[in-house]
Amino acid sequence: MARVSPGMPVEEPYSREYESFRSSVPLKRVVVDDNGSGSWEIYDCGPKEVRSPLIMFPPLSGSSDIYFKQLLALSLRNIRVLAVSWPAYWTVAEWCAGFRKLLDTLRLERVHLFGAALGGFLAQKFAEMHSIGRPVPRVASLILCNSFTDTSIFGYRDASPFFWLLPSMFLKRMVLGNMPVGSKDRDIVESVDFMVSRLEEMTQSQLASRLTLNCSPTYVMPQHLREIPITLIDVWDPCKYDHEELKEFDV
């Protein structure tokens, strides 16, 4: 039976496809905050003249390159798509302000957002904050995969203010404990192996800040998203979140 273990190498065919992506699509780093404390990492594929692209946010343990297959496939259809990963932000408001600055820097006024898990939650919060008082919301549409609307579904709300104190190895074990193991599906095994390799490369501040965003008490106010088209992508594995809470969007 196939099993995931930290540091397990990615299978060769998967590795070759990833290496082809990295050799053809440059990684851009953009600093948007005045203190210059960190940079957003961006892969930008497809026709650059498109000014309302799709932007993809990774889950808690992912980086921008986890979407390399989607980037390649969508760009072949003349769809501009950006996969982004963010520096350490410790509150949702700070993250939303940073992403707004990124859009301003890239001169993108209106965008479509895709997010998985934490990435989907942050996409919703940005859409919420930038729909209030605007005749045209800055977010054209949302695509959510295995996401959530309320951080209360997690069990670390009381501990979240202290994640910044914990060593990297402890934080990584927290995340690895929720990753699926024992799958016989080769695609799933290779995908999880790749996610583990991305997790291993994350710094302590990156991981601690993402866990803080994921678990600090906050929620989405759906009444501010009524005018934004929302698509839900379901998953069928043990890591699935309960989508009952998303039914309030009436999508």
C-alpha atoms as a PDB file:
ATOM      1  CA  MET A   1       0.000   0.000   0.000  1.00  0.00           C
ATOM      2  CA  ALA A   2       1.337   3.431  -0.951  1.00  0.00           C
ATOM      3  CA  ARG A   3       2.005   5.683   1.995  1.00  0.00           C
ATOM      4  CA  VAL A   4       3.070   9.302   2.366  1.00  0.00           C
ATOM      5  CA  SER A   5       6.082  10.117   4.454  1.00  0.00           C
ATOM      6  CA  PRO A   6       7.842  13.461   4.948  1.00  0.00           C
ATOM      7  CA  GLY A   7      10.654  13.978   2.473  1.00  0.00           C
ATOM      8  CA  MET A   8       9.498  11.214   0.113  1.00  0.00           C
ATOM      9  CA  PRO A   9      10.712  12.099  -3.415  1.00  0.00           C
ATOM     10  CA  VAL A  10       8.185  12.997  -6.055  1.00  0.00           C
ATOM     11  CA  GLU A  11       7.746  10.299  -8.700  1.00  0.00           C
ATOM     12  CA  GLU A  12       9.825  10.885 -11.846  1.00  0.00           C
ATOM     13  CA  PRO A  13       6.980  11.581 -14.348  1.00  0.00           C
ATOM     14  CA  TYR A  14       5.486  14.115 -11.951  1.00  0.00           C
ATOM     15  CA  SER A  15       8.935  15.604 -11.399  1.00  0.00           C
ATOM     16  CA  ARG A  16       9.612  15.939 -15.139  1.00  0.00           C
ATOM     17  CA  GLU A  17       6.329  17.778 -15.694  1.00  0.00           C
ATOM     18  CA  TYR A  18       7.101  20.126 -12.809  1.00  0.00           C
ATOM     19  CA  GLU A  19      10.618  20.777 -14.058  1.00  0.00           C
ATOM     20  CA  SER A  20       9.199  21.608 -17.487  1.00  0.00           C
ATOM     21  CA  PHE A  21       6.858  24.115 -15.847  1.00  0.00           C
ATOM     22  CA  ARG A  22       9.640  25.758 -13.846  1.00  0.00           C
ATOM     23  CA  SER A  23      11.840  26.046 -16.919  1.00  0.00           C
ATOM     24  CA  SER A  24       9.126  27.780 -18.952  1.00  0.00           C
ATOM     25  CA  VAL A  25       7.297  29.951 -16.388  1.00  0.00           C
ATOM     26  CA  PRO A  26       9.374  32.396 -14.317  1.00  0.00           C
ATOM     27  CA  LEU A  27       8.751  32.945 -10.630  1.00  0.00           C
ATOM     28  CA  LYS A  28       8.163  36.616  -9.819  1.00  0.00           C
ATOM     29  CA  ARG A  29       8.599  38.116  -6.377  1.00  0.00           C
ATOM     30  CA  VAL A  30       6.729  41.333  -5.624  1.00  0.00           C
ATOM     31  CA  VAL A  31       7.158  43.383  -2.438  1.00  0.00           C
ATOM     32  CA  VAL A  32       4.091  45.508  -1.669  1.00  0.00           C
ATOM     33  CA  ASP A  33       4.438  46.476   1.999  1.00  0.00           C
ATOM     34  CA  ASP A  34       6.332  49.569   3.072  1.00  0.00           C
ATOM     35  CA  ASN A  35       8.466  47.665   5.579  1.00  0.00           C
ATOM     36  CA  GLY A  36       9.664  45.306   2.816  1.00  0.00           C
ATOM     37  CA  SER A  37       9.282  42.387   5.207  1.00  0.00           C
ATOM     38  CA  GLY A  38       8.357  39.801   2.579  1.00  0.00           C
ATOM     39  CA  SER A  39       7.378  39.224  -1.000  1.00  0.00           C
ATOM     40  CA  TRP A  40       4.414  37.736  -2.817  1.00  0.00           C
ATOM     41  CA  GLU A  41       5.471  34.878  -5.100  1.00  0.00           C
ATOM     42  CA  ILE A  42       3.674  34.770  -8.442  1.00  0.00           C
ATOM     43  CA  TYR A  43       3.490  32.513 -11.482  1.00  0.00           C
ATOM     44  CA  ASP A  44       1.736  34.361 -14.317  1.00  0.00           C
ATOM     45  CA  CYS A  45       0.591  32.337 -17.347  1.00  0.00           C
ATOM     46  CA  GLY A  46      -1.522  33.179 -20.359  1.00  0.00           C
ATOM     47  CA  PRO A  47      -2.085  36.358 -22.392  1.00  0.00           C
ATOM     48  CA  LYS A  48      -0.871  39.384 -20.406  1.00  0.00           C
ATOM     49  CA  GLU A  49      -3.331  41.692 -22.141  1.00  0.00           C
ATOM     50  CA  VAL A  50      -6.140  40.057 -20.141  1.00  0.00           C
ATOM     51  CA  ARG A  51      -6.841  42.491 -17.302  1.00  0.00           C
ATOM     52  CA  SER A  52      -9.364  40.377 -15.373  1.00  0.00           C
ATOM     53  CA  PRO A  53      -7.463  37.128 -14.803  1.00  0.00           C
ATOM     54  CA  LEU A  54      -8.037  34.147 -12.552  1.00  0.00           C
ATOM     55  CA  ILE A  55      -5.917  34.248  -9.394  1.00  0.00           C
ATOM     56  CA  MET A  56      -5.339  31.035  -7.433  1.00  0.00           C
ATOM     57  CA  PHE A  57      -4.583  30.824  -3.703  1.00  0.00           C
ATOM     58  CA  PRO A  58      -3.081  27.665  -2.170  1.00  0.00           C
ATOM     59  CA  PRO A  59      -4.264  25.944   1.013  1.00  0.00           C
ATOM     60  CA  LEU A  60      -2.458  26.347   4.313  1.00  0.00           C
ATOM     61  CA  SER A  61       0.420  24.005   3.486  1.00  0.00           C
ATOM     62  CA  GLY A  62       0.805  24.859  -0.196  1.00  0.00           C
ATOM     63  CA  SER A  63       2.861  27.259  -2.273  1.00  0.00           C
ATOM     64  CA  SER A  64       1.996  28.959  -5.546  1.00  0.00           C
ATOM     65  CA  ASP A  65       3.612  26.239  -7.655  1.00  0.00           C
ATOM     66  CA  ILE A  66       1.186  23.509  -6.500  1.00  0.00           C
ATOM     67  CA  TYR A  67      -1.113  24.651  -9.311  1.00  0.00           C
ATOM     68  CA  PHE A  68       1.439  24.110 -12.062  1.00  0.00           C
ATOM     69  CA  LYS A  69      -0.748  21.623 -13.947  1.00  0.00           C
ATOM     70  CA  GLN A  70      -3.726  23.986 -13.900  1.00  0.00           C
ATOM     71  CA  LEU A  71      -1.548  26.910 -14.987  1.00  0.00           C
ATOM     72  CA  LEU A  72      -0.241  25.024 -17.981  1.00  0.00           C
ATOM     73  CA  ALA A  73      -3.641  23.645 -18.997  1.00  0.00           C
ATOM     74  CA  LEU A  74      -5.552  26.925 -18.651  1.00  0.00           C
ATOM     75  CA  SER A  75      -2.918  29.043 -20.363  1.00  0.00           C
ATOM     76  CA  LEU A  76      -3.138  26.726 -23.403  1.00  0.00           C
ATOM     77  CA  ARG A  77      -6.786  27.829 -23.629  1.00  0.00           C
ATOM     78  CA  ASN A  78      -5.739  31.499 -23.688  1.00  0.00           C
ATOM     79  CA  ILE A  79      -6.858  32.024 -20.090  1.00  0.00           C
ATOM     80  CA  ARG A  80      -4.627  34.239 -18.016  1.00  0.00           C
ATOM     81  CA  VAL A  81      -4.106  32.693 -14.602  1.00  0.00           C
ATOM     82  CA  LEU A  82      -1.865  33.713 -11.722  1.00  0.00           C
ATOM     83  CA  ALA A  83      -0.918  31.432  -8.846  1.00  0.00           C
ATOM     84  CA  VAL A  84       0.199  33.422  -5.827  1.00  0.00           C
ATOM     85  CA  SER A  85       1.685  32.747  -2.422  1.00  0.00           C
ATOM     86  CA  TRP A  86       1.923  35.406   0.261  1.00  0.00           C
ATOM     87  CA  PRO A  87       4.455  36.458   2.912  1.00  0.00           C
ATOM     88  CA  ALA A  88       3.724  36.287   6.620  1.00  0.00           C
ATOM     89  CA  TYR A  89       0.565  38.169   7.620  1.00  0.00           C
ATOM     90  CA  TRP A  90      -0.846  37.686  11.098  1.00  0.00           C
ATOM     91  CA  THR A  91      -4.403  38.995  10.692  1.00  0.00           C
ATOM     92  CA  VAL A  92      -7.004  38.663   7.940  1.00  0.00           C
ATOM     93  CA  ALA A  93      -7.198  42.462   7.638  1.00  0.00           C
ATOM     94  CA  GLU A  94      -3.432  42.662   7.053  1.00  0.00           C
ATOM     95  CA  TRP A  95      -3.622  39.914   4.444  1.00  0.00           C
ATOM     96  CA  CYS A  96      -6.480  41.639   2.594  1.00  0.00           C
ATOM     97  CA  ALA A  97      -4.607  44.943   2.622  1.00  0.00           C
ATOM     98  CA  GLY A  98      -1.518  43.215   1.249  1.00  0.00           C
ATOM     99  CA  PHE A  99      -3.453  41.534  -1.543  1.00  0.00           C
ATOM    100  CA  ARG A 100      -5.129  44.826  -2.467  1.00  0.00           C
ATOM    101  CA  LYS A 101      -1.669  46.400  -2.772  1.00  0.00           C
ATOM    102  CA  LEU A 102      -0.585  43.493  -4.961  1.00  0.00           C
ATOM    103  CA  LEU A 103      -3.539  44.025  -7.321  1.00  0.00           C
ATOM    104  CA  ASP A 104      -2.753  47.739  -7.446  1.00  0.00           C
ATOM    105  CA  THR A 105       0.905  47.011  -8.206  1.00  0.00           C
ATOM    106  CA  LEU A 106      -0.072  44.613 -11.009  1.00  0.00           C
ATOM    107  CA  ARG A 107      -2.719  47.093 -12.239  1.00  0.00           C
ATOM    108  CA  LEU A 108      -5.518  44.574 -11.964  1.00  0.00           C
ATOM    109  CA  GLU A 109      -8.810  46.224 -11.081  1.00  0.00           C
ATOM    110  CA  ARG A 110     -11.213  43.256 -11.178  1.00  0.00           C
ATOM    111  CA  VAL A 111     -10.289  39.591 -10.814  1.00  0.00           C
ATOM    112  CA  HIS A 112     -11.685  36.077 -10.458  1.00  0.00           C
ATOM    113  CA  LEU A 113     -10.458  34.253  -7.343  1.00  0.00           C
ATOM    114  CA  PHE A 114      -9.933  30.540  -6.775  1.00  0.00           C
ATOM    115  CA  GLY A 115      -8.984  29.295  -3.325  1.00  0.00           C
ATOM    116  CA  ALA A 116      -8.530  25.933  -1.650  1.00  0.00           C
ATOM    117  CA  ALA A 117      -9.136  25.578   2.111  1.00  0.00           C
ATOM    118  CA  LEU A 118      -7.459  28.598   3.791  1.00  0.00           C
ATOM    119  CA  GLY A 119      -6.937  30.168   0.365  1.00  0.00           C
ATOM    120  CA  GLY A 120     -10.687  29.987  -0.255  1.00  0.00           C
ATOM    121  CA  PHE A 121     -11.468  31.524   3.115  1.00  0.00           C
ATOM    122  CA  LEU A 122      -9.107  34.444   2.464  1.00  0.00           C
ATOM    123  CA  ALA A 123     -10.585  34.913  -1.014  1.00  0.00           C
ATOM    124  CA  GLN A 124     -14.039  35.222   0.561  1.00  0.00           C
ATOM    125  CA  LYS A 125     -12.832  37.733   3.151  1.00  0.00           C
ATOM    126  CA  PHE A 126     -11.174  39.871   0.475  1.00  0.00           C
ATOM    127  CA  ALA A 127     -14.338  39.773  -1.643  1.00  0.00           C
ATOM    128  CA  GLU A 128     -16.390  40.719   1.421  1.00  0.00           C
ATOM    129  CA  MET A 129     -14.178  43.656   2.368  1.00  0.00           C
ATOM    130  CA  HIS A 130     -13.979  44.993  -1.189  1.00  0.00           C
ATOM    131  CA  SER A 131     -17.639  44.738  -2.098  1.00  0.00           C
ATOM    132  CA  ILE A 132     -18.900  47.096   0.606  1.00  0.00           C
ATOM    133  CA  GLY A 133     -19.489  50.583  -0.760  1.00  0.00           C
ATOM    134  CA  ARG A 134     -18.341  49.762  -4.294  1.00  0.00           C
ATOM    135  CA  PRO A 135     -20.729  49.989  -7.265  1.00  0.00           C
ATOM    136  CA  VAL A 136     -18.769  47.143  -8.918  1.00  0.00           C
ATOM    137  CA  PRO A 137     -17.133  44.567  -6.583  1.00  0.00           C
ATOM    138  CA  ARG A 138     -13.415  44.115  -7.137  1.00  0.00           C
ATOM    139  CA  VAL A 139     -13.944  40.342  -7.191  1.00  0.00           C
ATOM    140  CA  ALA A 140     -15.792  39.232 -10.347  1.00  0.00           C
ATOM    141  CA  SER A 141     -16.374  35.667  -9.100  1.00  0.00           C
ATOM    142  CA  LEU A 142     -15.279  33.135  -6.489  1.00  0.00           C
ATOM    143  CA  ILE A 143     -14.357  29.468  -6.954  1.00  0.00           C
ATOM    144  CA  LEU A 144     -13.993  27.617  -3.660  1.00  0.00           C
ATOM    145  CA  CYS A 145     -12.536  24.143  -3.209  1.00  0.00           C
ATOM    146  CA  ASN A 146     -12.888  22.421   0.166  1.00  0.00           C
ATOM    147  CA  SER A 147     -13.078  25.776   1.912  1.00  0.00           C
ATOM    148  CA  PHE A 148     -14.949  27.144   4.925  1.00  0.00           C
ATOM    149  CA  THR A 149     -16.656  30.328   6.124  1.00  0.00           C
ATOM    150  CA  ASP A 150     -15.930  30.211   9.858  1.00  0.00           C
ATOM    151  CA  THR A 151     -12.677  29.332  11.610  1.00  0.00           C
ATOM    152  CA  SER A 152     -14.622  27.942  14.556  1.00  0.00           C
ATOM    153  CA  ILE A 153     -14.571  24.545  12.808  1.00  0.00           C
ATOM    154  CA  PHE A 154     -10.945  24.209  13.939  1.00  0.00           C
ATOM    155  CA  GLY A 155      -9.852  23.310  17.438  1.00  0.00           C
ATOM    156  CA  TYR A 156      -6.981  25.738  17.955  1.00  0.00           C
ATOM    157  CA  ARG A 157      -8.765  29.077  18.419  1.00  0.00           C
ATOM    158  CA  ASP A 158      -7.452  29.570  21.956  1.00  0.00           C
ATOM    159  CA  ALA A 159      -3.943  28.513  20.957  1.00  0.00           C
ATOM    160  CA  SER A 160      -3.746  30.603  17.764  1.00  0.00           C
ATOM    161  CA  PRO A 161      -2.181  33.694  19.443  1.00  0.00           C
ATOM    162  CA  PHE A 162       0.792  31.535  20.426  1.00  0.00           C
ATOM    163  CA  PHE A 163       1.632  29.814  17.131  1.00  0.00           C
ATOM    164  CA  TRP A 164       4.377  32.354  16.486  1.00  0.00           C
ATOM    165  CA  LEU A 165       6.248  30.955  19.503  1.00  0.00           C
ATOM    166  CA  LEU A 166       6.266  27.314  18.385  1.00  0.00           C
ATOM    167  CA  PRO A 167       9.193  25.712  16.560  1.00  0.00           C
ATOM    168  CA  SER A 168       8.836  24.880  12.887  1.00  0.00           C
ATOM    169  CA  MET A 169       9.033  21.110  13.412  1.00  0.00           C
ATOM    170  CA  PHE A 170       6.090  21.157  15.824  1.00  0.00           C
ATOM    171  CA  LEU A 171       3.979  23.227  13.425  1.00  0.00           C
ATOM    172  CA  LYS A 172       4.769  20.933  10.507  1.00  0.00           C
ATOM    173  CA  ARG A 173       3.748  17.888  12.522  1.00  0.00           C
ATOM    174  CA  MET A 174       0.404  19.569  13.239  1.00  0.00           C
ATOM    175  CA  VAL A 175      -0.210  19.945   9.503  1.00  0.00           C
ATOM    176  CA  LEU A 176       1.163  16.538   8.483  1.00  0.00           C
ATOM    177  CA  GLY A 177      -1.184  14.862  10.935  1.00  0.00           C
ATOM    178  CA  ASN A 178      -4.125  15.984   8.798  1.00  0.00           C
ATOM    179  CA  MET A 179      -2.753  14.790   5.462  1.00  0.00           C
ATOM    180  CA  PRO A 180      -4.202  11.592   3.973  1.00  0.00           C
ATOM    181  CA  VAL A 181      -2.103   8.418   4.059  1.00  0.00           C
ATOM    182  CA  GLY A 182      -2.581   4.937   2.700  1.00  0.00           C
ATOM    183  CA  SER A 183      -4.132   5.849  -0.650  1.00  0.00           C
ATOM    184  CA  LYS A 184      -3.730   3.353  -3.512  1.00  0.00           C
ATOM    185  CA  ASP A 185      -4.429   6.035  -6.113  1.00  0.00           C
ATOM    186  CA  ARG A 186      -1.106   7.024  -7.697  1.00  0.00           C
ATOM    187  CA  ASP A 187      -2.278  10.543  -8.567  1.00  0.00           C
ATOM    188  CA  ILE A 188      -3.313  11.179  -4.966  1.00  0.00           C
ATOM    189  CA  VAL A 189      -0.060   9.749  -3.599  1.00  0.00           C
ATOM    190  CA  GLU A 190       2.033  11.909  -5.940  1.00  0.00           C
ATOM    191  CA  SER A 191      -0.010  15.004  -5.154  1.00  0.00           C
ATOM    192  CA  VAL A 192       0.290  14.527  -1.392  1.00  0.00           C
ATOM    193  CA  ASP A 193       4.012  13.819  -1.719  1.00  0.00           C
ATOM    194  CA  PHE A 194       4.375  17.087  -3.609  1.00  0.00           C
ATOM    195  CA  MET A 195       2.412  18.970  -0.934  1.00  0.00           C
ATOM    196  CA  VAL A 196       4.663  17.472   1.751  1.00  0.00           C
ATOM    197  CA  SER A 197       7.723  18.692  -0.138  1.00  0.00           C
ATOM    198  CA  ARG A 198       6.224  22.215  -0.298  1.00  0.00           C
ATOM    199  CA  LEU A 199       5.469  22.112   3.427  1.00  0.00           C
ATOM    200  CA  GLU A 200       9.052  21.125   4.215  1.00  0.00           C
ATOM    201  CA  GLU A 201      10.295  24.274   2.471  1.00  0.00           C
ATOM    202  CA  MET A 202       8.089  26.677   4.427  1.00  0.00           C
ATOM    203  CA  THR A 203       9.749  28.853   7.055  1.00  0.00           C
ATOM    204  CA  GLN A 204       8.565  29.003  10.660  1.00  0.00           C
ATOM    205  CA  SER A 205       7.040  32.462  10.192  1.00  0.00           C
ATOM    206  CA  GLN A 206       5.221  31.445   7.003  1.00  0.00           C
ATOM    207  CA  LEU A 207       3.666  28.384   8.609  1.00  0.00           C
ATOM    208  CA  ALA A 208       2.921  30.008  11.977  1.00  0.00           C
ATOM    209  CA  SER A 209       1.232  32.989  10.315  1.00  0.00           C
ATOM    210  CA  ARG A 210      -0.903  30.760   8.090  1.00  0.00           C
ATOM    211  CA  LEU A 211      -2.004  28.652  11.029  1.00  0.00           C
ATOM    212  CA  THR A 212      -2.856  31.886  12.852  1.00  0.00           C
ATOM    213  CA  LEU A 213      -4.998  33.087   9.917  1.00  0.00           C
ATOM    214  CA  ASN A 214      -6.616  29.656   9.736  1.00  0.00           C
ATOM    215  CA  CYS A 215      -7.548  29.428  13.417  1.00  0.00           C
ATOM    216  CA  SER A 216      -8.007  32.974  14.756  1.00  0.00           C
ATOM    217  CA  PRO A 217     -11.703  33.689  15.477  1.00  0.00           C
ATOM    218  CA  THR A 218     -13.349  35.213  12.394  1.00  0.00           C
ATOM    219  CA  TYR A 219     -16.011  34.397   9.843  1.00  0.00           C
ATOM    220  CA  VAL A 220     -17.386  35.415   6.451  1.00  0.00           C
ATOM    221  CA  MET A 221     -20.468  37.635   6.282  1.00  0.00           C
ATOM    222  CA  PRO A 222     -22.404  36.152   3.342  1.00  0.00           C
ATOM    223  CA  GLN A 223     -24.751  39.118   2.983  1.00  0.00           C
ATOM    224  CA  HIS A 224     -21.839  41.039   1.454  1.00  0.00           C
ATOM    225  CA  LEU A 225     -21.245  38.373  -1.213  1.00  0.00           C
ATOM    226  CA  ARG A 226     -24.777  38.112  -2.608  1.00  0.00           C
ATOM    227  CA  GLU A 227     -23.890  39.858  -5.873  1.00  0.00           C
ATOM    228  CA  ILE A 228     -20.776  37.757  -6.554  1.00  0.00           C
ATOM    229  CA  PRO A 229     -21.107  34.462  -8.489  1.00  0.00           C
ATOM    230  CA  ILE A 230     -19.732  31.602  -6.372  1.00  0.00           C
ATOM    231  CA  THR A 231     -18.813  28.113  -7.563  1.00  0.00           C
ATOM    232  CA  LEU A 232     -18.163  25.298  -5.075  1.00  0.00           C
ATOM    233  CA  ILE A 233     -15.859  22.429  -6.015  1.00  0.00           C
ATOM    234  CA  ASP A 234     -16.415  19.420  -3.793  1.00  0.00           C
ATOM    235  CA  VAL A 235     -13.841  16.799  -2.816  1.00  0.00           C
ATOM    236  CA  TRP A 236     -14.319  13.180  -1.822  1.00  0.00           C
ATOM    237  CA  ASP A 237     -11.673  12.303   0.729  1.00  0.00           C
ATOM    238  CA  PRO A 238     -11.257  12.222   4.539  1.00  0.00           C
ATOM    239  CA  CYS A 239      -9.914  15.805   4.542  1.00  0.00           C
ATOM    240  CA  LYS A 240     -13.201  17.221   3.277  1.00  0.00           C
ATOM    241  CA  TYR A 241     -14.736  20.093   5.229  1.00  0.00           C
ATOM    242  CA  ASP A 242     -18.463  20.130   5.871  1.00  0.00           C
ATOM    243  CA  HIS A 243     -20.074  22.312   3.187  1.00  0.00           C
ATOM    244  CA  GLU A 244     -23.322  22.692   5.103  1.00  0.00           C
ATOM    245  CA  GLU A 245     -22.180  26.118   6.275  1.00  0.00           C
ATOM    246  CA  LEU A 246     -21.693  27.236   2.657  1.00  0.00           C
ATOM    247  CA  LYS A 247     -25.356  26.653   1.840  1.00  0.00           C
ATOM    248  CA  GLU A 248     -26.161  30.051   3.269  1.00  0.00           C
ATOM    249  CA  PHE A 249     -24.717  31.528   0.078  1.00  0.00           C
ATOM    250  CA  ASP A 250     -27.579  29.988  -1.898  1.00  0.00           C
ATOM    251  CA  VAL A 251     -25.256  28.861  -4.699  1.00  0.00           C
END
